[in-house]
Amino acid sequence: MKGRFVTFEGGEGTGKSTQLRLLADYLRTKGINAVATKEPGGTPTGQELRRILVTGDKDKFDATAEALLYFADRHIHMTQKVWPEMEQGAWVLSDRFADSTVAYQYYGYDKRVSKENLDCLYNIAVGDFKPDLTVILDIDPEIGLARSFKKADGMNVKELRFEGRELAFHQRLRRGFLEIAEQEPQRCIVLDADKSIEALHEEIVRVITERFGL
């Protein structure tokens, strides 16, 4: 495809959305058509699935049901938005992609869903397609969760279904993201998110510039 696909991953409160927006703005100053999106919620149907997945009681689904819904959203997202935009030459920046499903539904739930089944769902949803680059923002879960709850209080945000899980869940998914990065070092870069917005943005710009020769 003509464009690029860059994903932002990490636990709660890492600042993914803010950094994605700043990178999109930066790329536009370079004359690049940057499209910001997210999973779930990057399409009209995805917005409905997002409401189902990230609001309400934390125990209303098990890990398998969550994984199935996330991959359904992912297939719709890729076929209706990401791939068409890339075919037009756009750089698509996504707040979360399949690594989040592995980190949350596999590692977070202490491997109640098999990795083999998740790999099968990935193949059904997107085939052998992979992001050009995945930026994993890493932070101590206690710090990240405190950020999330503070943001939620200030904005009346109700998407706190996963934030409501025990600290051990978030510690496991953090380890999951780091293991994913170790397994795919050519695709993934891990950055410390416990720093100022400006400093982290500068680091991301440096990574993007070096990786893609901007």
C-alpha atoms as a PDB file:
ATOM      1  CA  MET A   1       0.000   0.000   0.000  1.00  0.00           C
ATOM      2  CA  LYS A   2       1.053   3.575  -0.603  1.00  0.00           C
ATOM      3  CA  GLY A   3       0.613   4.907   2.932  1.00  0.00           C
ATOM      4  CA  ARG A   4       1.863   3.995   6.390  1.00  0.00           C
ATOM      5  CA  PHE A   5       0.216   2.480   9.445  1.00  0.00           C
ATOM      6  CA  VAL A   6       1.564   3.537  12.831  1.00  0.00           C
ATOM      7  CA  THR A   7      -0.016   2.243  16.026  1.00  0.00           C
ATOM      8  CA  PHE A   8       0.173   3.562  19.571  1.00  0.00           C
ATOM      9  CA  GLU A   9      -0.049   1.016  22.370  1.00  0.00           C
ATOM     10  CA  GLY A  10       0.246   0.915  26.141  1.00  0.00           C
ATOM     11  CA  GLY A  11      -1.694   0.615  29.345  1.00  0.00           C
ATOM     12  CA  GLU A  12      -4.140   3.080  30.826  1.00  0.00           C
ATOM     13  CA  GLY A  13      -2.995   6.660  31.305  1.00  0.00           C
ATOM     14  CA  THR A  14       0.083   6.538  29.099  1.00  0.00           C
ATOM     15  CA  GLY A  15      -0.995   9.513  26.988  1.00  0.00           C
ATOM     16  CA  LYS A  16      -1.465   7.639  23.717  1.00  0.00           C
ATOM     17  CA  SER A  17      -4.288   9.823  22.447  1.00  0.00           C
ATOM     18  CA  THR A  18      -2.417  13.051  23.148  1.00  0.00           C
ATOM     19  CA  GLN A  19       0.795  11.840  21.535  1.00  0.00           C
ATOM     20  CA  LEU A  20      -1.056  10.504  18.499  1.00  0.00           C
ATOM     21  CA  ARG A  21      -2.737  13.866  17.981  1.00  0.00           C
ATOM     22  CA  LEU A  22       0.574  15.734  18.325  1.00  0.00           C
ATOM     23  CA  LEU A  23       2.272  13.409  15.843  1.00  0.00           C
ATOM     24  CA  ALA A  24      -0.576  13.822  13.355  1.00  0.00           C
ATOM     25  CA  ASP A  25      -0.215  17.601  13.613  1.00  0.00           C
ATOM     26  CA  TYR A  26       3.544  17.335  13.110  1.00  0.00           C
ATOM     27  CA  LEU A  27       3.219  15.100  10.049  1.00  0.00           C
ATOM     28  CA  ARG A  28       0.774  17.541   8.480  1.00  0.00           C
ATOM     29  CA  THR A  29       3.382  20.301   8.775  1.00  0.00           C
ATOM     30  CA  LYS A  30       5.571  18.040   6.629  1.00  0.00           C
ATOM     31  CA  GLY A  31       2.885  17.810   3.958  1.00  0.00           C
ATOM     32  CA  ILE A  32       1.793  14.313   4.936  1.00  0.00           C
ATOM     33  CA  ASN A  33      -1.889  13.382   4.989  1.00  0.00           C
ATOM     34  CA  ALA A  34      -2.132  12.040   8.546  1.00  0.00           C
ATOM     35  CA  VAL A  35      -5.360  10.336   9.594  1.00  0.00           C
ATOM     36  CA  ALA A  36      -5.995   9.804  13.314  1.00  0.00           C
ATOM     37  CA  THR A  37      -8.186   6.894  14.362  1.00  0.00           C
ATOM     38  CA  LYS A  38      -8.695   4.459  17.226  1.00  0.00           C
ATOM     39  CA  GLU A  39      -9.760   0.960  18.172  1.00  0.00           C
ATOM     40  CA  PRO A  40     -12.452   0.367  19.051  1.00  0.00           C
ATOM     41  CA  GLY A  41     -14.405   3.280  17.629  1.00  0.00           C
ATOM     42  CA  GLY A  42     -12.779   4.224  14.339  1.00  0.00           C
ATOM     43  CA  THR A  43     -15.973   3.673  12.334  1.00  0.00           C
ATOM     44  CA  PRO A  44     -19.685   4.269  13.062  1.00  0.00           C
ATOM     45  CA  THR A  45     -20.145   0.591  13.882  1.00  0.00           C
ATOM     46  CA  GLY A  46     -16.945   0.695  15.879  1.00  0.00           C
ATOM     47  CA  GLN A  47     -18.362   3.488  18.012  1.00  0.00           C
ATOM     48  CA  GLU A  48     -21.275   1.240  18.947  1.00  0.00           C
ATOM     49  CA  LEU A  49     -18.899  -1.605  19.769  1.00  0.00           C
ATOM     50  CA  ARG A  50     -16.738   0.761  21.814  1.00  0.00           C
ATOM     51  CA  ARG A  51     -19.694   1.724  23.979  1.00  0.00           C
ATOM     52  CA  ILE A  52     -20.414  -1.947  24.605  1.00  0.00           C
ATOM     53  CA  LEU A  53     -16.790  -2.858  25.331  1.00  0.00           C
ATOM     54  CA  VAL A  54     -15.445  -0.039  27.481  1.00  0.00           C
ATOM     55  CA  THR A  55     -18.446   1.007  29.563  1.00  0.00           C
ATOM     56  CA  GLY A  56     -20.523  -0.795  32.149  1.00  0.00           C
ATOM     57  CA  ASP A  57     -19.715  -3.548  34.601  1.00  0.00           C
ATOM     58  CA  LYS A  58     -16.169  -4.894  34.377  1.00  0.00           C
ATOM     59  CA  ASP A  59     -17.378  -8.497  34.592  1.00  0.00           C
ATOM     60  CA  LYS A  60     -20.132  -8.404  31.964  1.00  0.00           C
ATOM     61  CA  PHE A  61     -17.907 -10.248  29.433  1.00  0.00           C
ATOM     62  CA  ASP A  62     -15.212 -12.856  29.748  1.00  0.00           C
ATOM     63  CA  ALA A  63     -11.910 -12.625  27.881  1.00  0.00           C
ATOM     64  CA  THR A  64     -13.107 -14.719  24.931  1.00  0.00           C
ATOM     65  CA  ALA A  65     -16.189 -12.591  24.294  1.00  0.00           C
ATOM     66  CA  GLU A  66     -14.081  -9.446  24.487  1.00  0.00           C
ATOM     67  CA  ALA A  67     -11.530 -10.804  22.022  1.00  0.00           C
ATOM     68  CA  LEU A  68     -14.233 -11.749  19.520  1.00  0.00           C
ATOM     69  CA  LEU A  69     -15.794  -8.285  19.691  1.00  0.00           C
ATOM     70  CA  TYR A  70     -12.451  -6.506  19.400  1.00  0.00           C
ATOM     71  CA  PHE A  71     -11.479  -8.484  16.313  1.00  0.00           C
ATOM     72  CA  ALA A  72     -14.887  -7.860  14.749  1.00  0.00           C
ATOM     73  CA  ASP A  73     -14.299  -4.148  15.264  1.00  0.00           C
ATOM     74  CA  ARG A  74     -10.772  -4.512  13.889  1.00  0.00           C
ATOM     75  CA  HIS A  75     -11.911  -6.134  10.649  1.00  0.00           C
ATOM     76  CA  ILE A  76     -14.505  -3.404  10.087  1.00  0.00           C
ATOM     77  CA  HIS A  77     -11.962  -0.713  10.948  1.00  0.00           C
ATOM     78  CA  MET A  78      -9.323  -2.013   8.557  1.00  0.00           C
ATOM     79  CA  THR A  79     -11.632  -2.684   5.619  1.00  0.00           C
ATOM     80  CA  GLN A  80     -13.736   0.468   5.912  1.00  0.00           C
ATOM     81  CA  LYS A  81     -11.165   3.018   7.031  1.00  0.00           C
ATOM     82  CA  VAL A  82      -7.496   2.102   7.441  1.00  0.00           C
ATOM     83  CA  TRP A  83      -6.809   0.302   4.183  1.00  0.00           C
ATOM     84  CA  PRO A  84      -8.830   2.705   1.993  1.00  0.00           C
ATOM     85  CA  GLU A  85      -6.965   5.660   3.527  1.00  0.00           C
ATOM     86  CA  MET A  86      -3.606   3.957   3.031  1.00  0.00           C
ATOM     87  CA  GLU A  87      -4.442   3.219  -0.600  1.00  0.00           C
ATOM     88  CA  GLN A  88      -4.794   6.979  -1.052  1.00  0.00           C
ATOM     89  CA  GLY A  89      -1.329   7.500   0.428  1.00  0.00           C
ATOM     90  CA  ALA A  90      -2.343   8.545   3.940  1.00  0.00           C
ATOM     91  CA  TRP A  91      -0.398   7.845   7.096  1.00  0.00           C
ATOM     92  CA  VAL A  92      -2.952   6.268   9.423  1.00  0.00           C
ATOM     93  CA  LEU A  93      -2.204   6.638  13.137  1.00  0.00           C
ATOM     94  CA  SER A  94      -4.255   4.338  15.357  1.00  0.00           C
ATOM     95  CA  ASP A  95      -4.794   4.583  19.098  1.00  0.00           C
ATOM     96  CA  ARG A  96      -4.546   0.824  19.773  1.00  0.00           C
ATOM     97  CA  PHE A  97      -4.485  -2.173  17.454  1.00  0.00           C
ATOM     98  CA  ALA A  98      -4.096  -5.931  17.871  1.00  0.00           C
ATOM     99  CA  ASP A  99      -1.289  -5.724  20.432  1.00  0.00           C
ATOM    100  CA  SER A 100      -3.828  -4.334  22.880  1.00  0.00           C
ATOM    101  CA  THR A 101      -6.000  -7.417  22.444  1.00  0.00           C
ATOM    102  CA  VAL A 102      -3.032  -9.663  23.194  1.00  0.00           C
ATOM    103  CA  ALA A 103      -1.942  -7.547  26.168  1.00  0.00           C
ATOM    104  CA  TYR A 104      -5.401  -7.212  27.712  1.00  0.00           C
ATOM    105  CA  GLN A 105      -7.261 -10.386  26.807  1.00  0.00           C
ATOM    106  CA  TYR A 106      -4.236 -12.754  26.928  1.00  0.00           C
ATOM    107  CA  TYR A 107      -1.792 -11.320  29.458  1.00  0.00           C
ATOM    108  CA  GLY A 108      -4.214  -9.212  31.486  1.00  0.00           C
ATOM    109  CA  TYR A 109      -6.630 -12.084  32.025  1.00  0.00           C
ATOM    110  CA  ASP A 110      -3.701 -14.369  32.859  1.00  0.00           C
ATOM    111  CA  LYS A 111      -3.890 -16.332  29.606  1.00  0.00           C
ATOM    112  CA  ARG A 112      -7.513 -17.465  29.849  1.00  0.00           C
ATOM    113  CA  VAL A 113      -7.657 -17.120  26.055  1.00  0.00           C
ATOM    114  CA  SER A 114      -5.017 -19.083  24.176  1.00  0.00           C
ATOM    115  CA  LYS A 115      -2.487 -17.208  22.081  1.00  0.00           C
ATOM    116  CA  GLU A 116      -3.208 -19.657  19.261  1.00  0.00           C
ATOM    117  CA  ASN A 117      -6.858 -18.633  19.196  1.00  0.00           C
ATOM    118  CA  LEU A 118      -5.928 -14.946  19.180  1.00  0.00           C
ATOM    119  CA  ASP A 119      -3.513 -15.572  16.304  1.00  0.00           C
ATOM    120  CA  CYS A 120      -6.313 -17.328  14.418  1.00  0.00           C
ATOM    121  CA  LEU A 121      -8.677 -14.398  14.976  1.00  0.00           C
ATOM    122  CA  TYR A 122      -5.978 -11.996  13.817  1.00  0.00           C
ATOM    123  CA  ASN A 123      -5.548 -13.937  10.584  1.00  0.00           C
ATOM    124  CA  ILE A 124      -9.305 -13.962   9.981  1.00  0.00           C
ATOM    125  CA  ALA A 125      -9.624 -10.233  10.681  1.00  0.00           C
ATOM    126  CA  VAL A 126      -6.593  -8.756   8.898  1.00  0.00           C
ATOM    127  CA  GLY A 127      -4.595 -11.569   7.302  1.00  0.00           C
ATOM    128  CA  ASP A 128      -0.821 -11.126   7.464  1.00  0.00           C
ATOM    129  CA  PHE A 129      -0.972  -7.321   7.594  1.00  0.00           C
ATOM    130  CA  LYS A 130       1.240  -5.657  10.219  1.00  0.00           C
ATOM    131  CA  PRO A 131       1.790  -2.029  11.274  1.00  0.00           C
ATOM    132  CA  ASP A 132       4.834  -0.270   9.852  1.00  0.00           C
ATOM    133  CA  LEU A 133       5.700   0.867  13.372  1.00  0.00           C
ATOM    134  CA  THR A 134       4.231   0.352  16.828  1.00  0.00           C
ATOM    135  CA  VAL A 135       5.003   2.885  19.549  1.00  0.00           C
ATOM    136  CA  ILE A 136       4.510   1.325  22.977  1.00  0.00           C
ATOM    137  CA  LEU A 137       4.226   3.910  25.736  1.00  0.00           C
ATOM    138  CA  ASP A 138       5.292   2.376  29.031  1.00  0.00           C
ATOM    139  CA  ILE A 139       4.440   3.599  32.532  1.00  0.00           C
ATOM    140  CA  ASP A 140       4.035   2.222  36.041  1.00  0.00           C
ATOM    141  CA  PRO A 141       0.380   1.101  36.191  1.00  0.00           C
ATOM    142  CA  GLU A 142      -0.247   2.936  39.458  1.00  0.00           C
ATOM    143  CA  ILE A 143       0.830   6.221  37.872  1.00  0.00           C
ATOM    144  CA  GLY A 144      -1.115   5.521  34.687  1.00  0.00           C
ATOM    145  CA  LEU A 145      -4.315   4.615  36.501  1.00  0.00           C
ATOM    146  CA  ALA A 146      -4.085   7.743  38.644  1.00  0.00           C
ATOM    147  CA  ARG A 147      -3.821   9.781  35.434  1.00  0.00           C
ATOM    148  CA  SER A 148      -6.838   8.014  33.930  1.00  0.00           C
ATOM    149  CA  PHE A 149      -9.072   8.574  36.931  1.00  0.00           C
ATOM    150  CA  LYS A 150      -8.014  12.216  37.175  1.00  0.00           C
ATOM    151  CA  LYS A 151      -8.849  12.729  33.499  1.00  0.00           C
ATOM    152  CA  ALA A 152     -12.168  10.940  33.909  1.00  0.00           C
ATOM    153  CA  ASP A 153     -13.157  13.128  36.847  1.00  0.00           C
ATOM    154  CA  GLY A 154     -12.382  16.283  34.899  1.00  0.00           C
ATOM    155  CA  MET A 155     -14.207  15.254  31.721  1.00  0.00           C
ATOM    156  CA  ASN A 156     -17.070  13.149  33.102  1.00  0.00           C
ATOM    157  CA  VAL A 157     -15.672  10.189  31.189  1.00  0.00           C
ATOM    158  CA  LYS A 158     -17.503   6.884  31.700  1.00  0.00           C
ATOM    159  CA  GLU A 159     -15.172   4.607  29.724  1.00  0.00           C
ATOM    160  CA  LEU A 160     -13.593   3.098  32.819  1.00  0.00           C
ATOM    161  CA  ARG A 161     -14.479  -0.573  32.516  1.00  0.00           C
ATOM    162  CA  PHE A 162     -10.843  -1.709  32.355  1.00  0.00           C
ATOM    163  CA  GLU A 163      -9.505   0.887  34.759  1.00  0.00           C
ATOM    164  CA  GLY A 164     -11.778  -0.719  37.349  1.00  0.00           C
ATOM    165  CA  ARG A 165      -9.852  -3.975  37.276  1.00  0.00           C
ATOM    166  CA  GLU A 166      -7.352  -4.895  39.975  1.00  0.00           C
ATOM    167  CA  LEU A 167      -3.795  -3.548  39.884  1.00  0.00           C
ATOM    168  CA  ALA A 168      -2.416  -7.031  39.164  1.00  0.00           C
ATOM    169  CA  PHE A 169      -4.382  -7.064  35.884  1.00  0.00           C
ATOM    170  CA  HIS A 170      -2.673  -3.856  34.784  1.00  0.00           C
ATOM    171  CA  GLN A 171       0.746  -5.102  35.880  1.00  0.00           C
ATOM    172  CA  ARG A 172       0.270  -8.232  33.774  1.00  0.00           C
ATOM    173  CA  LEU A 173      -0.783  -6.319  30.687  1.00  0.00           C
ATOM    174  CA  ARG A 174       2.223  -4.010  31.100  1.00  0.00           C
ATOM    175  CA  ARG A 175       4.482  -7.064  31.072  1.00  0.00           C
ATOM    176  CA  GLY A 176       2.558  -8.250  28.041  1.00  0.00           C
ATOM    177  CA  PHE A 177       3.310  -5.117  26.045  1.00  0.00           C
ATOM    178  CA  LEU A 178       6.994  -5.365  26.960  1.00  0.00           C
ATOM    179  CA  GLU A 179       7.109  -9.021  25.906  1.00  0.00           C
ATOM    180  CA  ILE A 180       5.460  -8.162  22.593  1.00  0.00           C
ATOM    181  CA  ALA A 181       8.166  -5.542  22.010  1.00  0.00           C
ATOM    182  CA  GLU A 182      10.882  -8.091  22.803  1.00  0.00           C
ATOM    183  CA  GLN A 183       9.354 -10.566  20.355  1.00  0.00           C
ATOM    184  CA  GLU A 184       9.078  -8.029  17.500  1.00  0.00           C
ATOM    185  CA  PRO A 185      11.894  -5.482  17.934  1.00  0.00           C
ATOM    186  CA  GLN A 186      11.850  -4.462  14.272  1.00  0.00           C
ATOM    187  CA  ARG A 187       8.247  -3.309  14.521  1.00  0.00           C
ATOM    188  CA  CYS A 188       7.996  -2.106  18.124  1.00  0.00           C
ATOM    189  CA  ILE A 189       9.685   0.707  20.011  1.00  0.00           C
ATOM    190  CA  VAL A 190       9.165   1.175  23.763  1.00  0.00           C
ATOM    191  CA  LEU A 191       9.256   4.702  25.185  1.00  0.00           C
ATOM    192  CA  ASP A 192       9.047   5.854  28.789  1.00  0.00           C
ATOM    193  CA  ALA A 193       5.742   7.704  29.152  1.00  0.00           C
ATOM    194  CA  ASP A 194       6.523   9.077  32.625  1.00  0.00           C
ATOM    195  CA  LYS A 195       7.758  12.424  31.320  1.00  0.00           C
ATOM    196  CA  SER A 196       6.339  15.685  30.059  1.00  0.00           C
ATOM    197  CA  ILE A 197       4.042  15.736  27.045  1.00  0.00           C
ATOM    198  CA  GLU A 198       6.549  17.889  25.164  1.00  0.00           C
ATOM    199  CA  ALA A 199       9.555  15.674  25.915  1.00  0.00           C
ATOM    200  CA  LEU A 200       7.720  12.516  24.890  1.00  0.00           C
ATOM    201  CA  HIS A 201       6.495  14.143  21.678  1.00  0.00           C
ATOM    202  CA  GLU A 202      10.051  15.131  20.760  1.00  0.00           C
ATOM    203  CA  GLU A 203      11.189  11.555  21.324  1.00  0.00           C
ATOM    204  CA  ILE A 204       8.406  10.181  19.130  1.00  0.00           C
ATOM    205  CA  VAL A 205       9.252  12.656  16.359  1.00  0.00           C
ATOM    206  CA  ARG A 206      12.881  11.535  16.547  1.00  0.00           C
ATOM    207  CA  VAL A 207      11.851   7.881  16.232  1.00  0.00           C
ATOM    208  CA  ILE A 208       9.548   8.604  13.289  1.00  0.00           C
ATOM    209  CA  THR A 209      12.175  10.717  11.541  1.00  0.00           C
ATOM    210  CA  GLU A 210      14.846   8.058  11.896  1.00  0.00           C
ATOM    211  CA  ARG A 211      12.559   5.192  10.915  1.00  0.00           C
ATOM    212  CA  PHE A 212      11.010   6.773   7.834  1.00  0.00           C
ATOM    213  CA  GLY A 213      13.675   9.273   6.794  1.00  0.00           C
ATOM    214  CA  LEU A 214      11.539  12.388   7.057  1.00  0.00           C
END
